[in-house]
Amino acid sequence: MIAETNIQTAQASKYIKWLCGHFNHKAKAEYDDQRGTVQFEFGHCEMQAQPDSLFIRVQADDAEAFERVKYVVGDHLERFAKKESIQVTWLDQ
């Protein structure tokens, strides 16, 4: 199961670093200025910085894990980006 979102922001690289740095305490996270990946026990997240946006793809093997990975990634991004009033809307693939 896969879901994607594309968030309009000029701060994509910063959010990738914040999210991966935060998640690295409980999951395997790798990142640089343009990309980030997080391997949770319940799913996987890939992030890509674009010039004016942040593209995120999450995936999981079952419905419960799928909803959990969408919630965890989306909720954390919305909290980290509260100054921009970002709302994450997932498009299930």
PDB file of N, CA and C in Angstrom:
ATOM      1  N   MET A   1       0.846  -1.170   0.000  1.00  0.00           N
ATOM      2  CA  MET A   1       0.000   0.000   0.000  1.00  0.00           C
ATOM      3  C   MET A   1       0.892   1.234   0.000  1.00  0.00           C
ATOM      4  N   ILE A   2       0.565   2.184  -0.872  1.00  0.00           N
ATOM      5  CA  ILE A   2       1.388   3.382  -1.054  1.00  0.00           C
ATOM      6  C   ILE A   2       0.502   4.623  -1.021  1.00  0.00           C
ATOM      7  N   ALA A   3       1.008   5.688  -0.405  1.00  0.00           N
ATOM      8  CA  ALA A   3       0.349   6.999  -0.432  1.00  0.00           C
ATOM      9  C   ALA A   3       1.414   8.059  -0.681  1.00  0.00           C
ATOM     10  N   GLU A   4       1.005   9.141  -1.331  1.00  0.00           N
ATOM     11  CA  GLU A   4       1.925  10.234  -1.647  1.00  0.00           C
ATOM     12  C   GLU A   4       1.289  11.572  -1.296  1.00  0.00           C
ATOM     13  N   THR A   5       2.152  12.548  -1.050  1.00  0.00           N
ATOM     14  CA  THR A   5       1.711  13.925  -0.869  1.00  0.00           C
ATOM     15  C   THR A   5       2.803  14.844  -1.389  1.00  0.00           C
ATOM     16  N   ASN A   6       2.413  16.010  -1.841  1.00  0.00           N
ATOM     17  CA  ASN A   6       3.359  17.020  -2.294  1.00  0.00           C
ATOM     18  C   ASN A   6       2.990  18.325  -1.590  1.00  0.00           C
ATOM     19  N   ILE A   7       3.855  18.776  -0.696  1.00  0.00           N
ATOM     20  CA  ILE A   7       3.599  19.935   0.148  1.00  0.00           C
ATOM     21  C   ILE A   7       4.316  21.156  -0.418  1.00  0.00           C
ATOM     22  N   GLN A   8       3.585  22.225  -0.654  1.00  0.00           N
ATOM     23  CA  GLN A   8       4.191  23.462  -1.141  1.00  0.00           C
ATOM     24  C   GLN A   8       4.942  24.148  -0.002  1.00  0.00           C
ATOM     25  N   THR A   9       6.261  24.245  -0.143  1.00  0.00           N
ATOM     26  CA  THR A   9       7.102  24.886   0.862  1.00  0.00           C
ATOM     27  C   THR A   9       8.475  25.173   0.270  1.00  0.00           C
ATOM     28  N   ALA A  10       9.085  26.243   0.717  1.00  0.00           N
ATOM     29  CA  ALA A  10      10.468  26.549   0.341  1.00  0.00           C
ATOM     30  C   ALA A  10      11.445  25.956   1.357  1.00  0.00           C
ATOM     31  N   GLN A  11      10.915  25.273   2.371  1.00  0.00           N
ATOM     32  CA  GLN A  11      11.733  24.736   3.468  1.00  0.00           C
ATOM     33  C   GLN A  11      11.872  23.212   3.411  1.00  0.00           C
ATOM     34  N   ALA A  12      11.752  22.608   2.247  1.00  0.00           N
ATOM     35  CA  ALA A  12      11.740  21.149   2.135  1.00  0.00           C
ATOM     36  C   ALA A  12      12.979  20.502   2.740  1.00  0.00           C
ATOM     37  N   SER A  13      14.153  21.009   2.432  1.00  0.00           N
ATOM     38  CA  SER A  13      15.391  20.418   2.962  1.00  0.00           C
ATOM     39  C   SER A  13      15.426  20.472   4.483  1.00  0.00           C
ATOM     40  N   LYS A  14      14.987  21.577   5.034  1.00  0.00           N
ATOM     41  CA  LYS A  14      14.953  21.723   6.490  1.00  0.00           C
ATOM     42  C   LYS A  14      14.013  20.695   7.121  1.00  0.00           C
ATOM     43  N   TYR A  15      12.841  20.496   6.530  1.00  0.00           N
ATOM     44  CA  TYR A  15      11.889  19.544   7.085  1.00  0.00           C
ATOM     45  C   TYR A  15      12.393  18.107   6.971  1.00  0.00           C
ATOM     46  N   ILE A  16      13.077  17.789   5.886  1.00  0.00           N
ATOM     47  CA  ILE A  16      13.672  16.455   5.750  1.00  0.00           C
ATOM     48  C   ILE A  16      14.662  16.215   6.883  1.00  0.00           C
ATOM     49  N   LYS A  17      15.526  17.177   7.136  1.00  0.00           N
ATOM     50  CA  LYS A  17      16.515  17.037   8.216  1.00  0.00           C
ATOM     51  C   LYS A  17      15.836  16.903   9.569  1.00  0.00           C
ATOM     52  N   TRP A  18      14.837  17.731   9.843  1.00  0.00           N
ATOM     53  CA  TRP A  18      14.132  17.679  11.131  1.00  0.00           C
ATOM     54  C   TRP A  18      13.425  16.342  11.322  1.00  0.00           C
ATOM     55  N   LEU A  19      12.683  15.917  10.291  1.00  0.00           N
ATOM     56  CA  LEU A  19      11.930  14.671  10.409  1.00  0.00           C
ATOM     57  C   LEU A  19      12.857  13.470  10.572  1.00  0.00           C
ATOM     58  N   CYS A  20      13.859  13.369   9.709  1.00  0.00           N
ATOM     59  CA  CYS A  20      14.775  12.228   9.792  1.00  0.00           C
ATOM     60  C   CYS A  20      15.569  12.250  11.091  1.00  0.00           C
ATOM     61  N   GLY A  21      16.011  13.416  11.515  1.00  0.00           N
ATOM     62  CA  GLY A  21      16.730  13.524  12.777  1.00  0.00           C
ATOM     63  C   GLY A  21      15.867  13.103  13.948  1.00  0.00           C
ATOM     64  N   HIS A  22      14.600  13.489  13.919  1.00  0.00           N
ATOM     65  CA  HIS A  22      13.672  13.119  14.991  1.00  0.00           C
ATOM     66  C   HIS A  22      13.374  11.615  14.965  1.00  0.00           C
ATOM     67  N   PHE A  23      13.043  11.095  13.787  1.00  0.00           N
ATOM     68  CA  PHE A  23      12.678   9.683  13.684  1.00  0.00           C
ATOM     69  C   PHE A  23      13.864   8.756  13.921  1.00  0.00           C
ATOM     70  N   ASN A  24      15.075   9.253  13.732  1.00  0.00           N
ATOM     71  CA  ASN A  24      16.270   8.422  13.879  1.00  0.00           C
ATOM     72  C   ASN A  24      16.433   7.879  15.301  1.00  0.00           C
ATOM     73  N   HIS A  25      15.718   8.448  16.257  1.00  0.00           N
ATOM     74  CA  HIS A  25      15.794   7.958  17.632  1.00  0.00           C
ATOM     75  C   HIS A  25      15.089   6.610  17.801  1.00  0.00           C
ATOM     76  N   LYS A  26      14.102   6.328  16.927  1.00  0.00           N
ATOM     77  CA  LYS A  26      13.330   5.089  17.064  1.00  0.00           C
ATOM     78  C   LYS A  26      13.277   4.265  15.787  1.00  0.00           C
ATOM     79  N   ALA A  27      13.833   4.766  14.706  1.00  0.00           N
ATOM     80  CA  ALA A  27      13.790   4.072  13.421  1.00  0.00           C
ATOM     81  C   ALA A  27      15.101   4.337  12.684  1.00  0.00           C
ATOM     82  N   LYS A  28      15.326   3.591  11.618  1.00  0.00           N
ATOM     83  CA  LYS A  28      16.524   3.815  10.809  1.00  0.00           C
ATOM     84  C   LYS A  28      16.226   4.937   9.811  1.00  0.00           C
ATOM     85  N   ALA A  29      16.958   6.034   9.928  1.00  0.00           N
ATOM     86  CA  ALA A  29      16.743   7.186   9.048  1.00  0.00           C
ATOM     87  C   ALA A  29      18.065   7.597   8.410  1.00  0.00           C
ATOM     88  N   GLU A  30      18.003   7.928   7.130  1.00  0.00           N
ATOM     89  CA  GLU A  30      19.154   8.440   6.394  1.00  0.00           C
ATOM     90  C   GLU A  30      18.690   9.657   5.605  1.00  0.00           C
ATOM     91  N   TYR A  31      19.562  10.660   5.495  1.00  0.00           N
ATOM     92  CA  TYR A  31      19.157  11.856   4.767  1.00  0.00           C
ATOM     93  C   TYR A  31      20.364  12.681   4.348  1.00  0.00           C
ATOM     94  N   ASP A  32      20.116  13.527   3.351  1.00  0.00           N
ATOM     95  CA  ASP A  32      21.056  14.572   2.953  1.00  0.00           C
ATOM     96  C   ASP A  32      20.206  15.813   2.673  1.00  0.00           C
ATOM     97  N   ASP A  33      20.748  16.788   1.968  1.00  0.00           N
ATOM     98  CA  ASP A  33      20.003  18.032   1.735  1.00  0.00           C
ATOM     99  C   ASP A  33      18.780  17.864   0.831  1.00  0.00           C
ATOM    100  N   GLN A  34      18.760  16.811   0.012  1.00  0.00           N
ATOM    101  CA  GLN A  34      17.690  16.666  -0.970  1.00  0.00           C
ATOM    102  C   GLN A  34      16.752  15.486  -0.741  1.00  0.00           C
ATOM    103  N   ARG A  35      17.225  14.472  -0.011  1.00  0.00           N
ATOM    104  CA  ARG A  35      16.438  13.246   0.145  1.00  0.00           C
ATOM    105  C   ARG A  35      16.501  12.729   1.574  1.00  0.00           C
ATOM    106  N   GLY A  36      15.470  11.989   1.936  1.00  0.00           N
ATOM    107  CA  GLY A  36      15.470  11.319   3.231  1.00  0.00           C
ATOM    108  C   GLY A  36      14.655  10.046   3.161  1.00  0.00           C
ATOM    109  N   THR A  37      15.069   9.043   3.925  1.00  0.00           N
ATOM    110  CA  THR A  37      14.310   7.806   4.043  1.00  0.00           C
ATOM    111  C   THR A  37      14.234   7.419   5.515  1.00  0.00           C
ATOM    112  N   VAL A  38      13.107   6.857   5.881  1.00  0.00           N
ATOM    113  CA  VAL A  38      12.921   6.361   7.241  1.00  0.00           C
ATOM    114  C   VAL A  38      12.306   4.971   7.146  1.00  0.00           C
ATOM    115  N   GLN A  39      12.947   4.012   7.795  1.00  0.00           N
ATOM    116  CA  GLN A  39      12.416   2.650   7.855  1.00  0.00           C
ATOM    117  C   GLN A  39      11.875   2.407   9.259  1.00  0.00           C
ATOM    118  N   PHE A  40      10.558   2.544   9.396  1.00  0.00           N
ATOM    119  CA  PHE A  40       9.887   2.251  10.656  1.00  0.00           C
ATOM    120  C   PHE A  40       9.666   0.743  10.752  1.00  0.00           C
ATOM    121  N   GLU A  41       9.331   0.256  11.933  1.00  0.00           N
ATOM    122  CA  GLU A  41       8.954  -1.151  12.077  1.00  0.00           C
ATOM    123  C   GLU A  41       7.658  -1.439  11.330  1.00  0.00           C
ATOM    124  N   PHE A  42       6.826  -0.434  11.143  1.00  0.00           N
ATOM    125  CA  PHE A  42       5.496  -0.610  10.566  1.00  0.00           C
ATOM    126  C   PHE A  42       5.354  -0.051   9.154  1.00  0.00           C
ATOM    127  N   GLY A  43       6.412   0.517   8.582  1.00  0.00           N
ATOM    128  CA  GLY A  43       6.309   1.068   7.244  1.00  0.00           C
ATOM    129  C   GLY A  43       7.561   1.810   6.829  1.00  0.00           C
ATOM    130  N   HIS A  44       7.494   2.426   5.664  1.00  0.00           N
ATOM    131  CA  HIS A  44       8.652   3.088   5.065  1.00  0.00           C
ATOM    132  C   HIS A  44       8.226   4.469   4.555  1.00  0.00           C
ATOM    133  N   CYS A  45       9.144   5.429   4.637  1.00  0.00           N
ATOM    134  CA  CYS A  45       8.888   6.795   4.171  1.00  0.00           C
ATOM    135  C   CYS A  45      10.065   7.273   3.331  1.00  0.00           C
ATOM    136  N   GLU A  46       9.766   7.879   2.188  1.00  0.00           N
ATOM    137  CA  GLU A  46      10.772   8.511   1.337  1.00  0.00           C
ATOM    138  C   GLU A  46      10.388   9.968   1.146  1.00  0.00           C
ATOM    139  N   MET A  47      11.368  10.859   1.251  1.00  0.00           N
ATOM    140  CA  MET A  47      11.129  12.292   1.077  1.00  0.00           C
ATOM    141  C   MET A  47      12.095  12.846   0.038  1.00  0.00           C
ATOM    142  N   GLN A  48      11.610  13.782  -0.768  1.00  0.00           N
ATOM    143  CA  GLN A  48      12.423  14.399  -1.809  1.00  0.00           C
ATOM    144  C   GLN A  48      12.157  15.902  -1.813  1.00  0.00           C
ATOM    145  N   ALA A  49      13.216  16.687  -1.662  1.00  0.00           N
ATOM    146  CA  ALA A  49      13.082  18.147  -1.729  1.00  0.00           C
ATOM    147  C   ALA A  49      13.029  18.586  -3.184  1.00  0.00           C
ATOM    148  N   GLN A  50      12.049  19.410  -3.504  1.00  0.00           N
ATOM    149  CA  GLN A  50      11.916  20.041  -4.811  1.00  0.00           C
ATOM    150  C   GLN A  50      12.154  21.536  -4.597  1.00  0.00           C
ATOM    151  N   PRO A  51      12.326  22.319  -5.660  1.00  0.00           N
ATOM    152  CA  PRO A  51      12.589  23.751  -5.464  1.00  0.00           C
ATOM    153  C   PRO A  51      11.547  24.470  -4.601  1.00  0.00           C
ATOM    154  N   ASP A  52      10.272  24.149  -4.770  1.00  0.00           N
ATOM    155  CA  ASP A  52       9.215  24.822  -4.012  1.00  0.00           C
ATOM    156  C   ASP A  52       8.270  23.854  -3.315  1.00  0.00           C
ATOM    157  N   SER A  53       8.719  22.619  -3.106  1.00  0.00           N
ATOM    158  CA  SER A  53       7.823  21.648  -2.475  1.00  0.00           C
ATOM    159  C   SER A  53       8.601  20.493  -1.852  1.00  0.00           C
ATOM    160  N   LEU A  54       7.882  19.733  -1.060  1.00  0.00           N
ATOM    161  CA  LEU A  54       8.408  18.526  -0.431  1.00  0.00           C
ATOM    162  C   LEU A  54       7.510  17.372  -0.845  1.00  0.00           C
ATOM    163  N   PHE A  55       8.082  16.419  -1.570  1.00  0.00           N
ATOM    164  CA  PHE A  55       7.356  15.230  -2.000  1.00  0.00           C
ATOM    165  C   PHE A  55       7.617  14.115  -0.994  1.00  0.00           C
ATOM    166  N   ILE A  56       6.550  13.455  -0.542  1.00  0.00           N
ATOM    167  CA  ILE A  56       6.681  12.364   0.419  1.00  0.00           C
ATOM    168  C   ILE A  56       5.878  11.164  -0.080  1.00  0.00           C
ATOM    169  N   ARG A  57       6.501   9.990   0.002  1.00  0.00           N
ATOM    170  CA  ARG A  57       5.828   8.725  -0.309  1.00  0.00           C
ATOM    171  C   ARG A  57       5.981   7.810   0.903  1.00  0.00           C
ATOM    172  N   VAL A  58       4.877   7.231   1.347  1.00  0.00           N
ATOM    173  CA  VAL A  58       4.915   6.259   2.439  1.00  0.00           C
ATOM    174  C   VAL A  58       4.326   4.949   1.940  1.00  0.00           C
ATOM    175  N   GLN A  59       4.777   3.861   2.563  1.00  0.00           N
ATOM    176  CA  GLN A  59       4.198   2.574   2.210  1.00  0.00           C
ATOM    177  C   GLN A  59       4.244   1.629   3.402  1.00  0.00           C
ATOM    178  N   ALA A  60       3.316   0.681   3.377  1.00  0.00           N
ATOM    179  CA  ALA A  60       3.225  -0.333   4.425  1.00  0.00           C
ATOM    180  C   ALA A  60       2.548  -1.561   3.828  1.00  0.00           C
ATOM    181  N   ASP A  61       2.662  -2.673   4.537  1.00  0.00           N
ATOM    182  CA  ASP A  61       2.156  -3.944   4.016  1.00  0.00           C
ATOM    183  C   ASP A  61       0.696  -4.231   4.339  1.00  0.00           C
ATOM    184  N   ASP A  62       0.157  -3.633   5.395  1.00  0.00           N
ATOM    185  CA  ASP A  62      -1.238  -3.903   5.745  1.00  0.00           C
ATOM    186  C   ASP A  62      -1.941  -2.594   6.100  1.00  0.00           C
ATOM    187  N   ALA A  63      -3.261  -2.646   6.163  1.00  0.00           N
ATOM    188  CA  ALA A  63      -4.070  -1.435   6.338  1.00  0.00           C
ATOM    189  C   ALA A  63      -3.772  -0.707   7.643  1.00  0.00           C
ATOM    190  N   GLU A  64      -3.606  -1.443   8.738  1.00  0.00           N
ATOM    191  CA  GLU A  64      -3.336  -0.805  10.023  1.00  0.00           C
ATOM    192  C   GLU A  64      -1.993  -0.080  10.009  1.00  0.00           C
ATOM    193  N   ALA A  65      -0.965  -0.733   9.499  1.00  0.00           N
ATOM    194  CA  ALA A  65       0.361  -0.115   9.416  1.00  0.00           C
ATOM    195  C   ALA A  65       0.350   1.061   8.443  1.00  0.00           C
ATOM    196  N   PHE A  66      -0.422   0.938   7.366  1.00  0.00           N
ATOM    197  CA  PHE A  66      -0.529   1.998   6.364  1.00  0.00           C
ATOM    198  C   PHE A  66      -1.101   3.270   6.988  1.00  0.00           C
ATOM    199  N   GLU A  67      -2.188   3.135   7.725  1.00  0.00           N
ATOM    200  CA  GLU A  67      -2.778   4.299   8.385  1.00  0.00           C
ATOM    201  C   GLU A  67      -1.826   4.872   9.434  1.00  0.00           C
ATOM    202  N   ARG A  68      -1.109   4.013  10.112  1.00  0.00           N
ATOM    203  CA  ARG A  68      -0.174   4.472  11.146  1.00  0.00           C
ATOM    204  C   ARG A  68       0.973   5.270  10.543  1.00  0.00           C
ATOM    205  N   VAL A  69       1.580   4.779   9.460  1.00  0.00           N
ATOM    206  CA  VAL A  69       2.715   5.497   8.874  1.00  0.00           C
ATOM    207  C   VAL A  69       2.253   6.835   8.296  1.00  0.00           C
ATOM    208  N   LYS A  70       1.068   6.881   7.697  1.00  0.00           N
ATOM    209  CA  LYS A  70       0.547   8.160   7.199  1.00  0.00           C
ATOM    210  C   LYS A  70       0.335   9.132   8.353  1.00  0.00           C
ATOM    211  N   TYR A  71      -0.242   8.643   9.436  1.00  0.00           N
ATOM    212  CA  TYR A  71      -0.499   9.512  10.582  1.00  0.00           C
ATOM    213  C   TYR A  71       0.806  10.022  11.194  1.00  0.00           C
ATOM    214  N   VAL A  72       1.746   9.127  11.453  1.00  0.00           N
ATOM    215  CA  VAL A  72       2.997   9.511  12.121  1.00  0.00           C
ATOM    216  C   VAL A  72       3.761  10.546  11.302  1.00  0.00           C
ATOM    217  N   VAL A  73       3.942  10.294  10.021  1.00  0.00           N
ATOM    218  CA  VAL A  73       4.699  11.229   9.179  1.00  0.00           C
ATOM    219  C   VAL A  73       3.936  12.541   9.019  1.00  0.00           C
ATOM    220  N   GLY A  74       2.658  12.470   8.699  1.00  0.00           N
ATOM    221  CA  GLY A  74       1.866  13.678   8.503  1.00  0.00           C
ATOM    222  C   GLY A  74       1.759  14.536   9.748  1.00  0.00           C
ATOM    223  N   ASP A  75       1.494  13.907  10.879  1.00  0.00           N
ATOM    224  CA  ASP A  75       1.359  14.639  12.138  1.00  0.00           C
ATOM    225  C   ASP A  75       2.662  15.338  12.521  1.00  0.00           C
ATOM    226  N   HIS A  76       3.774  14.640  12.390  1.00  0.00           N
ATOM    227  CA  HIS A  76       5.056  15.254  12.738  1.00  0.00           C
ATOM    228  C   HIS A  76       5.382  16.422  11.803  1.00  0.00           C
ATOM    229  N   LEU A  77       5.147  16.253  10.502  1.00  0.00           N
ATOM    230  CA  LEU A  77       5.422  17.353   9.575  1.00  0.00           C
ATOM    231  C   LEU A  77       4.550  18.558   9.906  1.00  0.00           C
ATOM    232  N   GLU A  78       3.280  18.352  10.159  1.00  0.00           N
ATOM    233  CA  GLU A  78       2.393  19.469  10.486  1.00  0.00           C
ATOM    234  C   GLU A  78       2.851  20.194  11.749  1.00  0.00           C
ATOM    235  N   ARG A  79       3.319  19.459  12.737  1.00  0.00           N
ATOM    236  CA  ARG A  79       3.804  20.100  13.967  1.00  0.00           C
ATOM    237  C   ARG A  79       5.113  20.847  13.726  1.00  0.00           C
ATOM    238  N   PHE A  80       6.042  20.235  12.986  1.00  0.00           N
ATOM    239  CA  PHE A  80       7.321  20.896  12.714  1.00  0.00           C
ATOM    240  C   PHE A  80       7.136  22.130  11.832  1.00  0.00           C
ATOM    241  N   ALA A  81       6.115  22.127  10.995  1.00  0.00           N
ATOM    242  CA  ALA A  81       5.892  23.215  10.039  1.00  0.00           C
ATOM    243  C   ALA A  81       4.726  24.107  10.451  1.00  0.00           C
ATOM    244  N   LYS A  82       4.464  24.213  11.741  1.00  0.00           N
ATOM    245  CA  LYS A  82       3.278  24.951  12.189  1.00  0.00           C
ATOM    246  C   LYS A  82       3.293  26.419  11.779  1.00  0.00           C
ATOM    247  N   LYS A  83       4.464  27.015  11.596  1.00  0.00           N
ATOM    248  CA  LYS A  83       4.523  28.417  11.160  1.00  0.00           C
ATOM    249  C   LYS A  83       3.972  28.591   9.749  1.00  0.00           C
ATOM    250  N   GLU A  84       4.022  27.527   8.951  1.00  0.00           N
ATOM    251  CA  GLU A  84       3.507  27.578   7.582  1.00  0.00           C
ATOM    252  C   GLU A  84       2.068  27.077   7.483  1.00  0.00           C
ATOM    253  N   SER A  85       1.511  26.614   8.582  1.00  0.00           N
ATOM    254  CA  SER A  85       0.144  26.069   8.597  1.00  0.00           C
ATOM    255  C   SER A  85      -0.048  24.978   7.540  1.00  0.00           C
ATOM    256  N   ILE A  86       0.917  24.088   7.453  1.00  0.00           N
ATOM    257  CA  ILE A  86       0.855  22.993   6.488  1.00  0.00           C
ATOM    258  C   ILE A  86      -0.164  21.959   6.942  1.00  0.00           C
ATOM    259  N   GLN A  87      -0.947  21.472   5.982  1.00  0.00           N
ATOM    260  CA  GLN A  87      -1.853  20.353   6.218  1.00  0.00           C
ATOM    261  C   GLN A  87      -1.512  19.266   5.211  1.00  0.00           C
ATOM    262  N   VAL A  88      -1.219  18.084   5.711  1.00  0.00           N
ATOM    263  CA  VAL A  88      -0.843  16.966   4.853  1.00  0.00           C
ATOM    264  C   VAL A  88      -2.103  16.243   4.389  1.00  0.00           C
ATOM    265  N   THR A  89      -2.250  16.119   3.074  1.00  0.00           N
ATOM    266  CA  THR A  89      -3.343  15.363   2.474  1.00  0.00           C
ATOM    267  C   THR A  89      -2.727  14.254   1.635  1.00  0.00           C
ATOM    268  N   TRP A  90      -2.995  13.014   2.003  1.00  0.00           N
ATOM    269  CA  TRP A  90      -2.412  11.861   1.322  1.00  0.00           C
ATOM    270  C   TRP A  90      -3.276  11.439   0.142  1.00  0.00           C
ATOM    271  N   LEU A  91      -2.630  11.046  -0.940  1.00  0.00           N
ATOM    272  CA  LEU A  91      -3.294  10.449  -2.093  1.00  0.00           C
ATOM    273  C   LEU A  91      -2.893   8.981  -2.113  1.00  0.00           C
ATOM    274  N   ASP A  92      -3.837   8.100  -1.775  1.00  0.00           N
ATOM    275  CA  ASP A  92      -3.545   6.667  -1.781  1.00  0.00           C
ATOM    276  C   ASP A  92      -3.402   6.195  -3.224  1.00  0.00           C
ATOM    277  N   GLN A  93      -2.387   5.406  -3.464  1.00  0.00           N
ATOM    278  CA  GLN A  93      -2.118   4.899  -4.816  1.00  0.00           C
ATOM    279  C   GLN A  93      -2.752   3.534  -5.025  1.00  0.00           C
TER     280      GLN A  93
END
